[in-house]
Amino acid sequence: MALKFIMRGFFLAIVCIWHVITLTGGLPLRKRTVSEVQLMHDRGELRQVQERRDWLQVRLRGLHTVPAQSRWSRTGFFPQELSSLTVEQIQDALNTFDKLLLSKPS
């Protein structure tokens, strides 16, 4: 007899928990604070920046530099100052641009 009451109580508890979960849709039971929302926004923004940086790194690996005396430099398509840049200098410039994008406006 006692086992029957325990099983009934257990079943009722499971039904109540299931009802609460389906009623809230899996959302938190309380509202998030402003700092929690800001933290989630910052993490999402950081993830996007990291994905962009990774994409750019993949693209840079496939980049082939053009020799200075190519037909492009003779036609004036590339300014002379840019055609003499090395891969390291281009990477340094891209890193500087990343730092500028990540810096907060003053």
PDB file of N, CA and C in Angstrom:
ATOM      1  N   MET A   1       0.818  -1.187   0.000  1.00  0.00           N
ATOM      2  CA  MET A   1       0.000   0.000   0.000  1.00  0.00           C
ATOM      3  C   MET A   1       0.868   1.259   0.000  1.00  0.00           C
ATOM      4  N   ALA A   2       1.918   1.259   0.818  1.00  0.00           N
ATOM      5  CA  ALA A   2       2.809   2.421   0.874  1.00  0.00           C
ATOM      6  C   ALA A   2       3.545   2.602  -0.443  1.00  0.00           C
ATOM      7  N   LEU A   3       3.875   1.505  -1.075  1.00  0.00           N
ATOM      8  CA  LEU A   3       4.555   1.574  -2.365  1.00  0.00           C
ATOM      9  C   LEU A   3       3.656   2.211  -3.414  1.00  0.00           C
ATOM     10  N   LYS A   4       2.370   1.956  -3.335  1.00  0.00           N
ATOM     11  CA  LYS A   4       1.419   2.528  -4.275  1.00  0.00           C
ATOM     12  C   LYS A   4       1.381   4.047  -4.136  1.00  0.00           C
ATOM     13  N   PHE A   5       1.404   4.570  -2.902  1.00  0.00           N
ATOM     14  CA  PHE A   5       1.401   6.016  -2.668  1.00  0.00           C
ATOM     15  C   PHE A   5       2.712   6.651  -3.131  1.00  0.00           C
ATOM     16  N   ILE A   6       3.821   5.954  -2.932  1.00  0.00           N
ATOM     17  CA  ILE A   6       5.123   6.468  -3.366  1.00  0.00           C
ATOM     18  C   ILE A   6       5.173   6.546  -4.890  1.00  0.00           C
ATOM     19  N   MET A   7       4.677   5.517  -5.565  1.00  0.00           N
ATOM     20  CA  MET A   7       4.663   5.511  -7.023  1.00  0.00           C
ATOM     21  C   MET A   7       3.746   6.608  -7.573  1.00  0.00           C
ATOM     22  N   ARG A   8       2.611   6.812  -6.906  1.00  0.00           N
ATOM     23  CA  ARG A   8       1.694   7.868  -7.323  1.00  0.00           C
ATOM     24  C   ARG A   8       2.342   9.241  -7.163  1.00  0.00           C
ATOM     25  N   GLY A   9       3.020   9.449  -6.072  1.00  0.00           N
ATOM     26  CA  GLY A   9       3.704  10.723  -5.839  1.00  0.00           C
ATOM     27  C   GLY A   9       4.835  10.944  -6.831  1.00  0.00           C
ATOM     28  N   PHE A  10       5.565   9.882  -7.127  1.00  0.00           N
ATOM     29  CA  PHE A  10       6.648   9.963  -8.105  1.00  0.00           C
ATOM     30  C   PHE A  10       6.097  10.311  -9.487  1.00  0.00           C
ATOM     31  N   PHE A  11       5.015   9.661  -9.889  1.00  0.00           N
ATOM     32  CA  PHE A  11       4.388   9.938 -11.176  1.00  0.00           C
ATOM     33  C   PHE A  11       3.880  11.375 -11.230  1.00  0.00           C
ATOM     34  N   LEU A  12       3.260  11.842 -10.151  1.00  0.00           N
ATOM     35  CA  LEU A  12       2.753  13.211 -10.100  1.00  0.00           C
ATOM     36  C   LEU A  12       3.897  14.224 -10.200  1.00  0.00           C
ATOM     37  N   ALA A  13       5.033  13.949  -9.561  1.00  0.00           N
ATOM     38  CA  ALA A  13       6.187  14.840  -9.637  1.00  0.00           C
ATOM     39  C   ALA A  13       6.731  14.904 -11.062  1.00  0.00           C
ATOM     40  N   ILE A  14       6.809  13.775 -11.733  1.00  0.00           N
ATOM     41  CA  ILE A  14       7.295  13.756 -13.117  1.00  0.00           C
ATOM     42  C   ILE A  14       6.352  14.528 -14.029  1.00  0.00           C
ATOM     43  N   VAL A  15       5.062  14.365 -13.843  1.00  0.00           N
ATOM     44  CA  VAL A  15       4.086  15.083 -14.666  1.00  0.00           C
ATOM     45  C   VAL A  15       4.205  16.589 -14.430  1.00  0.00           C
ATOM     46  N   CYS A  16       4.379  16.995 -13.173  1.00  0.00           N
ATOM     47  CA  CYS A  16       4.521  18.430 -12.862  1.00  0.00           C
ATOM     48  C   CYS A  16       5.794  19.002 -13.491  1.00  0.00           C
ATOM     49  N   ILE A  17       6.889  18.293 -13.404  1.00  0.00           N
ATOM     50  CA  ILE A  17       8.150  18.763 -13.994  1.00  0.00           C
ATOM     51  C   ILE A  17       8.007  18.862 -15.504  1.00  0.00           C
ATOM     52  N   TRP A  18       7.417  17.857 -16.122  1.00  0.00           N
ATOM     53  CA  TRP A  18       7.211  17.864 -17.573  1.00  0.00           C
ATOM     54  C   TRP A  18       6.332  19.044 -17.980  1.00  0.00           C
ATOM     55  N   HIS A  19       5.297  19.331 -17.197  1.00  0.00           N
ATOM     56  CA  HIS A  19       4.403  20.445 -17.494  1.00  0.00           C
ATOM     57  C   HIS A  19       5.145  21.780 -17.415  1.00  0.00           C
ATOM     58  N   VAL A  20       5.968  21.974 -16.404  1.00  0.00           N
ATOM     59  CA  VAL A  20       6.716  23.219 -16.252  1.00  0.00           C
ATOM     60  C   VAL A  20       7.695  23.397 -17.407  1.00  0.00           C
ATOM     61  N   ILE A  21       8.367  22.338 -17.797  1.00  0.00           N
ATOM     62  CA  ILE A  21       9.341  22.424 -18.896  1.00  0.00           C
ATOM     63  C   ILE A  21       8.644  22.776 -20.201  1.00  0.00           C
ATOM     64  N   THR A  22       7.516  22.120 -20.485  1.00  0.00           N
ATOM     65  CA  THR A  22       6.824  22.420 -21.742  1.00  0.00           C
ATOM     66  C   THR A  22       6.167  23.792 -21.704  1.00  0.00           C
ATOM     67  N   LEU A  23       5.739  24.234 -20.544  1.00  0.00           N
ATOM     68  CA  LEU A  23       5.097  25.540 -20.414  1.00  0.00           C
ATOM     69  C   LEU A  23       6.088  26.671 -20.652  1.00  0.00           C
ATOM     70  N   THR A  24       7.314  26.540 -20.148  1.00  0.00           N
ATOM     71  CA  THR A  24       8.315  27.597 -20.311  1.00  0.00           C
ATOM     72  C   THR A  24       9.076  27.470 -21.614  1.00  0.00           C
ATOM     73  N   GLY A  25       8.958  26.373 -22.298  1.00  0.00           N
ATOM     74  CA  GLY A  25       9.664  26.180 -23.559  1.00  0.00           C
ATOM     75  C   GLY A  25      11.159  26.044 -23.378  1.00  0.00           C
ATOM     76  N   GLY A  26      11.616  25.648 -22.230  1.00  0.00           N
ATOM     77  CA  GLY A  26      13.030  25.486 -21.983  1.00  0.00           C
ATOM     78  C   GLY A  26      13.746  26.784 -21.675  1.00  0.00           C
ATOM     79  N   LEU A  27      13.003  27.883 -21.604  1.00  0.00           N
ATOM     80  CA  LEU A  27      13.616  29.180 -21.298  1.00  0.00           C
ATOM     81  C   LEU A  27      13.896  29.289 -19.807  1.00  0.00           C
ATOM     82  N   PRO A  28      14.794  30.179 -19.404  1.00  0.00           N
ATOM     83  CA  PRO A  28      15.054  30.340 -17.973  1.00  0.00           C
ATOM     84  C   PRO A  28      13.818  30.870 -17.261  1.00  0.00           C
ATOM     85  N   LEU A  29      13.702  30.532 -16.003  1.00  0.00           N
ATOM     86  CA  LEU A  29      12.528  30.944 -15.236  1.00  0.00           C
ATOM     87  C   LEU A  29      12.606  32.396 -14.784  1.00  0.00           C
ATOM     88  N   ARG A  30      13.774  33.002 -14.871  1.00  0.00           N
ATOM     89  CA  ARG A  30      13.911  34.410 -14.504  1.00  0.00           C
ATOM     90  C   ARG A  30      14.516  35.175 -15.674  1.00  0.00           C
ATOM     91  N   LYS A  31      14.328  36.489 -15.653  1.00  0.00           N
ATOM     92  CA  LYS A  31      14.919  37.305 -16.715  1.00  0.00           C
ATOM     93  C   LYS A  31      16.413  37.445 -16.454  1.00  0.00           C
ATOM     94  N   ARG A  32      17.151  37.562 -17.526  1.00  0.00           N
ATOM     95  CA  ARG A  32      18.598  37.735 -17.388  1.00  0.00           C
ATOM     96  C   ARG A  32      18.904  39.173 -16.988  1.00  0.00           C
ATOM     97  N   THR A  33      19.973  39.329 -16.227  1.00  0.00           N
ATOM     98  CA  THR A  33      20.390  40.679 -15.855  1.00  0.00           C
ATOM     99  C   THR A  33      21.081  41.330 -17.042  1.00  0.00           C
ATOM    100  N   VAL A  34      21.249  42.638 -16.946  1.00  0.00           N
ATOM    101  CA  VAL A  34      21.883  43.376 -18.035  1.00  0.00           C
ATOM    102  C   VAL A  34      23.308  42.882 -18.257  1.00  0.00           C
ATOM    103  N   SER A  35      24.018  42.585 -17.178  1.00  0.00           N
ATOM    104  CA  SER A  35      25.405  42.129 -17.338  1.00  0.00           C
ATOM    105  C   SER A  35      25.459  40.759 -18.020  1.00  0.00           C
ATOM    106  N   GLU A  36      24.488  39.878 -17.741  1.00  0.00           N
ATOM    107  CA  GLU A  36      24.462  38.579 -18.418  1.00  0.00           C
ATOM    108  C   GLU A  36      24.199  38.748 -19.908  1.00  0.00           C
ATOM    109  N   VAL A  37      23.274  39.633 -20.255  1.00  0.00           N
ATOM    110  CA  VAL A  37      22.965  39.887 -21.661  1.00  0.00           C
ATOM    111  C   VAL A  37      24.174  40.489 -22.357  1.00  0.00           C
ATOM    112  N   GLN A  38      24.851  41.447 -21.689  1.00  0.00           N
ATOM    113  CA  GLN A  38      26.036  42.071 -22.272  1.00  0.00           C
ATOM    114  C   GLN A  38      27.148  41.042 -22.470  1.00  0.00           C
ATOM    115  N   LEU A  39      27.316  40.152 -21.499  1.00  0.00           N
ATOM    116  CA  LEU A  39      28.334  39.110 -21.610  1.00  0.00           C
ATOM    117  C   LEU A  39      28.040  38.190 -22.799  1.00  0.00           C
ATOM    118  N   MET A  40      26.772  37.791 -22.960  1.00  0.00           N
ATOM    119  CA  MET A  40      26.411  36.926 -24.082  1.00  0.00           C
ATOM    120  C   MET A  40      26.623  37.655 -25.405  1.00  0.00           C
ATOM    121  N   HIS A  41      26.308  38.945 -25.448  1.00  0.00           N
ATOM    122  CA  HIS A  41      26.524  39.725 -26.670  1.00  0.00           C
ATOM    123  C   HIS A  41      28.012  39.811 -26.997  1.00  0.00           C
ATOM    124  N   ASP A  42      28.825  40.085 -25.982  1.00  0.00           N
ATOM    125  CA  ASP A  42      30.270  40.194 -26.195  1.00  0.00           C
ATOM    126  C   ASP A  42      30.865  38.871 -26.671  1.00  0.00           C
ATOM    127  N   ARG A  43      30.391  37.764 -26.104  1.00  0.00           N
ATOM    128  CA  ARG A  43      30.905  36.451 -26.531  1.00  0.00           C
ATOM    129  C   ARG A  43      30.522  36.162 -27.975  1.00  0.00           C
ATOM    130  N   GLY A  44      29.300  36.529 -28.346  1.00  0.00           N
ATOM    131  CA  GLY A  44      28.878  36.330 -29.725  1.00  0.00           C
ATOM    132  C   GLY A  44      29.677  37.177 -30.692  1.00  0.00           C
ATOM    133  N   GLU A  45      29.928  38.411 -30.291  1.00  0.00           N
ATOM    134  CA  GLU A  45      30.720  39.306 -31.136  1.00  0.00           C
ATOM    135  C   GLU A  45      32.157  38.794 -31.260  1.00  0.00           C
ATOM    136  N   LEU A  46      32.719  38.326 -30.163  1.00  0.00           N
ATOM    137  CA  LEU A  46      34.075  37.773 -30.181  1.00  0.00           C
ATOM    138  C   LEU A  46      34.146  36.543 -31.083  1.00  0.00           C
ATOM    139  N   ARG A  47      33.111  35.703 -31.030  1.00  0.00           N
ATOM    140  CA  ARG A  47      33.073  34.520 -31.884  1.00  0.00           C
ATOM    141  C   ARG A  47      33.029  34.924 -33.357  1.00  0.00           C
ATOM    142  N   GLN A  48      32.250  35.953 -33.693  1.00  0.00           N
ATOM    143  CA  GLN A  48      32.185  36.413 -35.077  1.00  0.00           C
ATOM    144  C   GLN A  48      33.535  36.956 -35.547  1.00  0.00           C
ATOM    145  N   VAL A  49      34.206  37.722 -34.693  1.00  0.00           N
ATOM    146  CA  VAL A  49      35.517  38.262 -35.046  1.00  0.00           C
ATOM    147  C   VAL A  49      36.509  37.122 -35.262  1.00  0.00           C
ATOM    148  N   GLN A  50      36.457  36.117 -34.400  1.00  0.00           N
ATOM    149  CA  GLN A  50      37.366  34.977 -34.536  1.00  0.00           C
ATOM    150  C   GLN A  50      37.091  34.213 -35.831  1.00  0.00           C
ATOM    151  N   GLU A  51      35.807  34.038 -36.166  1.00  0.00           N
ATOM    152  CA  GLU A  51      35.474  33.336 -37.410  1.00  0.00           C
ATOM    153  C   GLU A  51      35.957  34.124 -38.619  1.00  0.00           C
ATOM    154  N   ARG A  52      35.803  35.459 -38.588  1.00  0.00           N
ATOM    155  CA  ARG A  52      36.303  36.283 -39.694  1.00  0.00           C
ATOM    156  C   ARG A  52      37.821  36.184 -39.813  1.00  0.00           C
ATOM    157  N   ARG A  53      38.505  36.201 -38.671  1.00  0.00           N
ATOM    158  CA  ARG A  53      39.965  36.111 -38.675  1.00  0.00           C
ATOM    159  C   ARG A  53      40.418  34.758 -39.217  1.00  0.00           C
ATOM    160  N   ASP A  54      39.733  33.691 -38.810  1.00  0.00           N
ATOM    161  CA  ASP A  54      40.075  32.364 -39.317  1.00  0.00           C
ATOM    162  C   ASP A  54      39.847  32.279 -40.819  1.00  0.00           C
ATOM    163  N   TRP A  55      38.736  32.846 -41.297  1.00  0.00           N
ATOM    164  CA  TRP A  55      38.454  32.845 -42.720  1.00  0.00           C
ATOM    165  C   TRP A  55      39.547  33.591 -43.480  1.00  0.00           C
ATOM    166  N   LEU A  56      39.968  34.742 -42.935  1.00  0.00           N
ATOM    167  CA  LEU A  56      41.000  35.530 -43.581  1.00  0.00           C
ATOM    168  C   LEU A  56      42.339  34.786 -43.599  1.00  0.00           C
ATOM    169  N   GLN A  57      42.660  34.094 -42.509  1.00  0.00           N
ATOM    170  CA  GLN A  57      43.897  33.317 -42.465  1.00  0.00           C
ATOM    171  C   GLN A  57      43.888  32.216 -43.520  1.00  0.00           C
ATOM    172  N   VAL A  58      42.745  31.563 -43.705  1.00  0.00           N
ATOM    173  CA  VAL A  58      42.643  30.527 -44.733  1.00  0.00           C
ATOM    174  C   VAL A  58      42.847  31.143 -46.108  1.00  0.00           C
ATOM    175  N   ARG A  59      42.265  32.296 -46.339  1.00  0.00           N
ATOM    176  CA  ARG A  59      42.421  32.968 -47.623  1.00  0.00           C
ATOM    177  C   ARG A  59      43.866  33.402 -47.849  1.00  0.00           C
ATOM    178  N   LEU A  60      44.540  33.861 -46.787  1.00  0.00           N
ATOM    179  CA  LEU A  60      45.928  34.307 -46.933  1.00  0.00           C
ATOM    180  C   LEU A  60      46.874  33.149 -47.226  1.00  0.00           C
ATOM    181  N   ARG A  61      46.550  31.962 -46.747  1.00  0.00           N
ATOM    182  CA  ARG A  61      47.411  30.813 -47.030  1.00  0.00           C
ATOM    183  C   ARG A  61      47.437  30.504 -48.518  1.00  0.00           C
ATOM    184  N   GLY A  62      46.339  30.748 -49.196  1.00  0.00           N
ATOM    185  CA  GLY A  62      46.274  30.477 -50.620  1.00  0.00           C
ATOM    186  C   GLY A  62      46.717  31.643 -51.471  1.00  0.00           C
ATOM    187  N   LEU A  63      47.177  32.722 -50.850  1.00  0.00           N
ATOM    188  CA  LEU A  63      47.572  33.915 -51.576  1.00  0.00           C
ATOM    189  C   LEU A  63      48.958  33.734 -52.178  1.00  0.00           C
ATOM    190  N   HIS A  64      49.078  34.048 -53.439  1.00  0.00           N
ATOM    191  CA  HIS A  64      50.373  33.994 -54.117  1.00  0.00           C
ATOM    192  C   HIS A  64      50.784  35.422 -54.433  1.00  0.00           C
ATOM    193  N   THR A  65      51.994  35.777 -54.052  1.00  0.00           N
ATOM    194  CA  THR A  65      52.458  37.136 -54.314  1.00  0.00           C
ATOM    195  C   THR A  65      52.855  37.271 -55.778  1.00  0.00           C
ATOM    196  N   VAL A  66      52.643  38.458 -56.305  1.00  0.00           N
ATOM    197  CA  VAL A  66      52.952  38.734 -57.700  1.00  0.00           C
ATOM    198  C   VAL A  66      54.375  39.277 -57.771  1.00  0.00           C
ATOM    199  N   PRO A  67      55.201  38.768 -58.678  1.00  0.00           N
ATOM    200  CA  PRO A  67      56.548  39.323 -58.816  1.00  0.00           C
ATOM    201  C   PRO A  67      56.485  40.801 -59.187  1.00  0.00           C
ATOM    202  N   ALA A  68      57.500  41.558 -58.770  1.00  0.00           N
ATOM    203  CA  ALA A  68      57.501  43.005 -58.984  1.00  0.00           C
ATOM    204  C   ALA A  68      57.510  43.365 -60.466  1.00  0.00           C
ATOM    205  N   GLN A  69      58.104  42.551 -61.289  1.00  0.00           N
ATOM    206  CA  GLN A  69      58.199  42.862 -62.721  1.00  0.00           C
ATOM    207  C   GLN A  69      57.119  42.137 -63.527  1.00  0.00           C
ATOM    208  N   SER A  70      55.964  41.966 -62.972  1.00  0.00           N
ATOM    209  CA  SER A  70      54.888  41.295 -63.705  1.00  0.00           C
ATOM    210  C   SER A  70      54.198  42.278 -64.641  1.00  0.00           C
ATOM    211  N   ARG A  71      53.283  41.759 -65.440  1.00  0.00           N
ATOM    212  CA  ARG A  71      52.584  42.639 -66.373  1.00  0.00           C
ATOM    213  C   ARG A  71      51.653  43.600 -65.655  1.00  0.00           C
ATOM    214  N   TRP A  72      51.211  43.223 -64.425  1.00  0.00           N
ATOM    215  CA  TRP A  72      50.327  44.115 -63.669  1.00  0.00           C
ATOM    216  C   TRP A  72      51.066  45.381 -63.246  1.00  0.00           C
ATOM    217  N   SER A  73      52.291  45.216 -62.783  1.00  0.00           N
ATOM    218  CA  SER A  73      53.027  46.401 -62.336  1.00  0.00           C
ATOM    219  C   SER A  73      53.411  47.283 -63.521  1.00  0.00           C
ATOM    220  N   ARG A  74      53.605  46.710 -64.700  1.00  0.00           N
ATOM    221  CA  ARG A  74      53.941  47.519 -65.882  1.00  0.00           C
ATOM    222  C   ARG A  74      52.743  48.332 -66.357  1.00  0.00           C
ATOM    223  N   THR A  75      51.544  47.795 -66.171  1.00  0.00           N
ATOM    224  CA  THR A  75      50.355  48.519 -66.616  1.00  0.00           C
ATOM    225  C   THR A  75      49.922  49.567 -65.606  1.00  0.00           C
ATOM    226  N   GLY A  76      50.527  49.554 -64.432  1.00  0.00           N
ATOM    227  CA  GLY A  76      50.158  50.536 -63.416  1.00  0.00           C
ATOM    228  C   GLY A  76      48.962  50.120 -62.588  1.00  0.00           C
ATOM    229  N   PHE A  77      48.553  48.852 -62.696  1.00  0.00           N
ATOM    230  CA  PHE A  77      47.404  48.373 -61.923  1.00  0.00           C
ATOM    231  C   PHE A  77      47.705  48.414 -60.428  1.00  0.00           C
ATOM    232  N   PHE A  78      48.930  47.991 -60.039  1.00  0.00           N
ATOM    233  CA  PHE A  78      49.371  48.068 -58.652  1.00  0.00           C
ATOM    234  C   PHE A  78      50.274  49.274 -58.501  1.00  0.00           C
ATOM    235  N   PRO A  79      50.041  50.111 -57.484  1.00  0.00           N
ATOM    236  CA  PRO A  79      51.006  51.180 -57.232  1.00  0.00           C
ATOM    237  C   PRO A  79      52.363  50.563 -56.881  1.00  0.00           C
ATOM    238  N   GLN A  80      53.412  51.240 -57.242  1.00  0.00           N
ATOM    239  CA  GLN A  80      54.754  50.711 -57.041  1.00  0.00           C
ATOM    240  C   GLN A  80      55.035  50.432 -55.568  1.00  0.00           C
ATOM    241  N   GLU A  81      54.468  51.258 -54.663  1.00  0.00           N
ATOM    242  CA  GLU A  81      54.723  51.054 -53.231  1.00  0.00           C
ATOM    243  C   GLU A  81      54.118  49.739 -52.744  1.00  0.00           C
ATOM    244  N   LEU A  82      52.979  49.351 -53.293  1.00  0.00           N
ATOM    245  CA  LEU A  82      52.319  48.136 -52.834  1.00  0.00           C
ATOM    246  C   LEU A  82      52.901  46.883 -53.469  1.00  0.00           C
ATOM    247  N   SER A  83      53.444  46.989 -54.647  1.00  0.00           N
ATOM    248  CA  SER A  83      53.945  45.794 -55.316  1.00  0.00           C
ATOM    249  C   SER A  83      55.218  45.266 -54.667  1.00  0.00           C
ATOM    250  N   SER A  84      55.894  46.085 -53.875  1.00  0.00           N
ATOM    251  CA  SER A  84      57.139  45.634 -53.252  1.00  0.00           C
ATOM    252  C   SER A  84      56.929  45.093 -51.833  1.00  0.00           C
ATOM    253  N   LEU A  85      55.682  45.011 -51.365  1.00  0.00           N
ATOM    254  CA  LEU A  85      55.428  44.502 -50.016  1.00  0.00           C
ATOM    255  C   LEU A  85      55.650  43.001 -49.960  1.00  0.00           C
ATOM    256  N   THR A  86      56.190  42.555 -48.829  1.00  0.00           N
ATOM    257  CA  THR A  86      56.377  41.125 -48.619  1.00  0.00           C
ATOM    258  C   THR A  86      55.148  40.563 -47.920  1.00  0.00           C
ATOM    259  N   VAL A  87      55.066  39.248 -47.851  1.00  0.00           N
ATOM    260  CA  VAL A  87      53.943  38.593 -47.188  1.00  0.00           C
ATOM    261  C   VAL A  87      53.902  38.976 -45.702  1.00  0.00           C
ATOM    262  N   GLU A  88      55.072  39.079 -45.087  1.00  0.00           N
ATOM    263  CA  GLU A  88      55.128  39.447 -43.667  1.00  0.00           C
ATOM    264  C   GLU A  88      54.603  40.855 -43.440  1.00  0.00           C
ATOM    265  N   GLN A  89      54.948  41.777 -44.348  1.00  0.00           N
ATOM    266  CA  GLN A  89      54.458  43.147 -44.212  1.00  0.00           C
ATOM    267  C   GLN A  89      52.945  43.206 -44.396  1.00  0.00           C
ATOM    268  N   ILE A  90      52.426  42.428 -45.316  1.00  0.00           N
ATOM    269  CA  ILE A  90      50.973  42.384 -45.505  1.00  0.00           C
ATOM    270  C   ILE A  90      50.309  41.813 -44.262  1.00  0.00           C
ATOM    271  N   GLN A  91      50.884  40.749 -43.692  1.00  0.00           N
ATOM    272  CA  GLN A  91      50.326  40.152 -42.482  1.00  0.00           C
ATOM    273  C   GLN A  91      50.365  41.137 -41.323  1.00  0.00           C
ATOM    274  N   ASP A  92      51.459  41.898 -41.177  1.00  0.00           N
ATOM    275  CA  ASP A  92      51.542  42.915 -40.130  1.00  0.00           C
ATOM    276  C   ASP A  92      50.470  43.977 -40.318  1.00  0.00           C
ATOM    277  N   ALA A  93      50.233  44.379 -41.556  1.00  0.00           N
ATOM    278  CA  ALA A  93      49.190  45.378 -41.828  1.00  0.00           C
ATOM    279  C   ALA A  93      47.816  44.824 -41.472  1.00  0.00           C
ATOM    280  N   LEU A  94      47.555  43.564 -41.808  1.00  0.00           N
ATOM    281  CA  LEU A  94      46.265  42.960 -41.460  1.00  0.00           C
ATOM    282  C   LEU A  94      46.095  42.830 -39.951  1.00  0.00           C
ATOM    283  N   ASN A  95      47.161  42.479 -39.240  1.00  0.00           N
ATOM    284  CA  ASN A  95      47.093  42.405 -37.783  1.00  0.00           C
ATOM    285  C   ASN A  95      46.806  43.786 -37.187  1.00  0.00           C
ATOM    286  N   THR A  96      47.412  44.826 -37.762  1.00  0.00           N
ATOM    287  CA  THR A  96      47.145  46.185 -37.287  1.00  0.00           C
ATOM    288  C   THR A  96      45.691  46.551 -37.520  1.00  0.00           C
ATOM    289  N   PHE A  97      45.160  46.182 -38.674  1.00  0.00           N
ATOM    290  CA  PHE A  97      43.747  46.450 -38.943  1.00  0.00           C
ATOM    291  C   PHE A  97      42.854  45.695 -37.973  1.00  0.00           C
ATOM    292  N   ASP A  98      43.211  44.453 -37.628  1.00  0.00           N
ATOM    293  CA  ASP A  98      42.452  43.700 -36.634  1.00  0.00           C
ATOM    294  C   ASP A  98      42.446  44.418 -35.304  1.00  0.00           C
ATOM    295  N   LYS A  99      43.610  44.928 -34.881  1.00  0.00           N
ATOM    296  CA  LYS A  99      43.682  45.628 -33.609  1.00  0.00           C
ATOM    297  C   LYS A  99      42.820  46.885 -33.629  1.00  0.00           C
ATOM    298  N   LEU A 100      42.827  47.587 -34.759  1.00  0.00           N
ATOM    299  CA  LEU A 100      41.997  48.786 -34.876  1.00  0.00           C
ATOM    300  C   LEU A 100      40.520  48.428 -34.828  1.00  0.00           C
ATOM    301  N   LEU A 101      40.128  47.328 -35.455  1.00  0.00           N
ATOM    302  CA  LEU A 101      38.718  46.920 -35.434  1.00  0.00           C
ATOM    303  C   LEU A 101      38.277  46.507 -34.045  1.00  0.00           C
ATOM    304  N   LEU A 102      39.181  45.886 -33.285  1.00  0.00           N
ATOM    305  CA  LEU A 102      38.829  45.409 -31.946  1.00  0.00           C
ATOM    306  C   LEU A 102      38.928  46.489 -30.887  1.00  0.00           C
ATOM    307  N   SER A 103      39.619  47.599 -31.185  1.00  0.00           N
ATOM    308  CA  SER A 103      39.766  48.642 -30.172  1.00  0.00           C
ATOM    309  C   SER A 103      38.448  49.390 -30.016  1.00  0.00           C
ATOM    310  N   LYS A 104      38.204  49.834 -28.802  1.00  0.00           N
ATOM    311  CA  LYS A 104      36.969  50.545 -28.512  1.00  0.00           C
ATOM    312  C   LYS A 104      37.140  51.998 -28.903  1.00  0.00           C
ATOM    313  N   PRO A 105      36.081  52.609 -29.467  1.00  0.00           N
ATOM    314  CA  PRO A 105      36.199  54.034 -29.835  1.00  0.00           C
ATOM    315  C   PRO A 105      36.359  54.898 -28.595  1.00  0.00           C
ATOM    316  N   SER A 106      37.166  55.931 -28.724  1.00  0.00           N
ATOM    317  CA  SER A 106      37.410  56.793 -27.556  1.00  0.00           C
ATOM    318  C   SER A 106      36.509  57.991 -27.554  1.00  0.00           C
TER     319      SER A 106
END
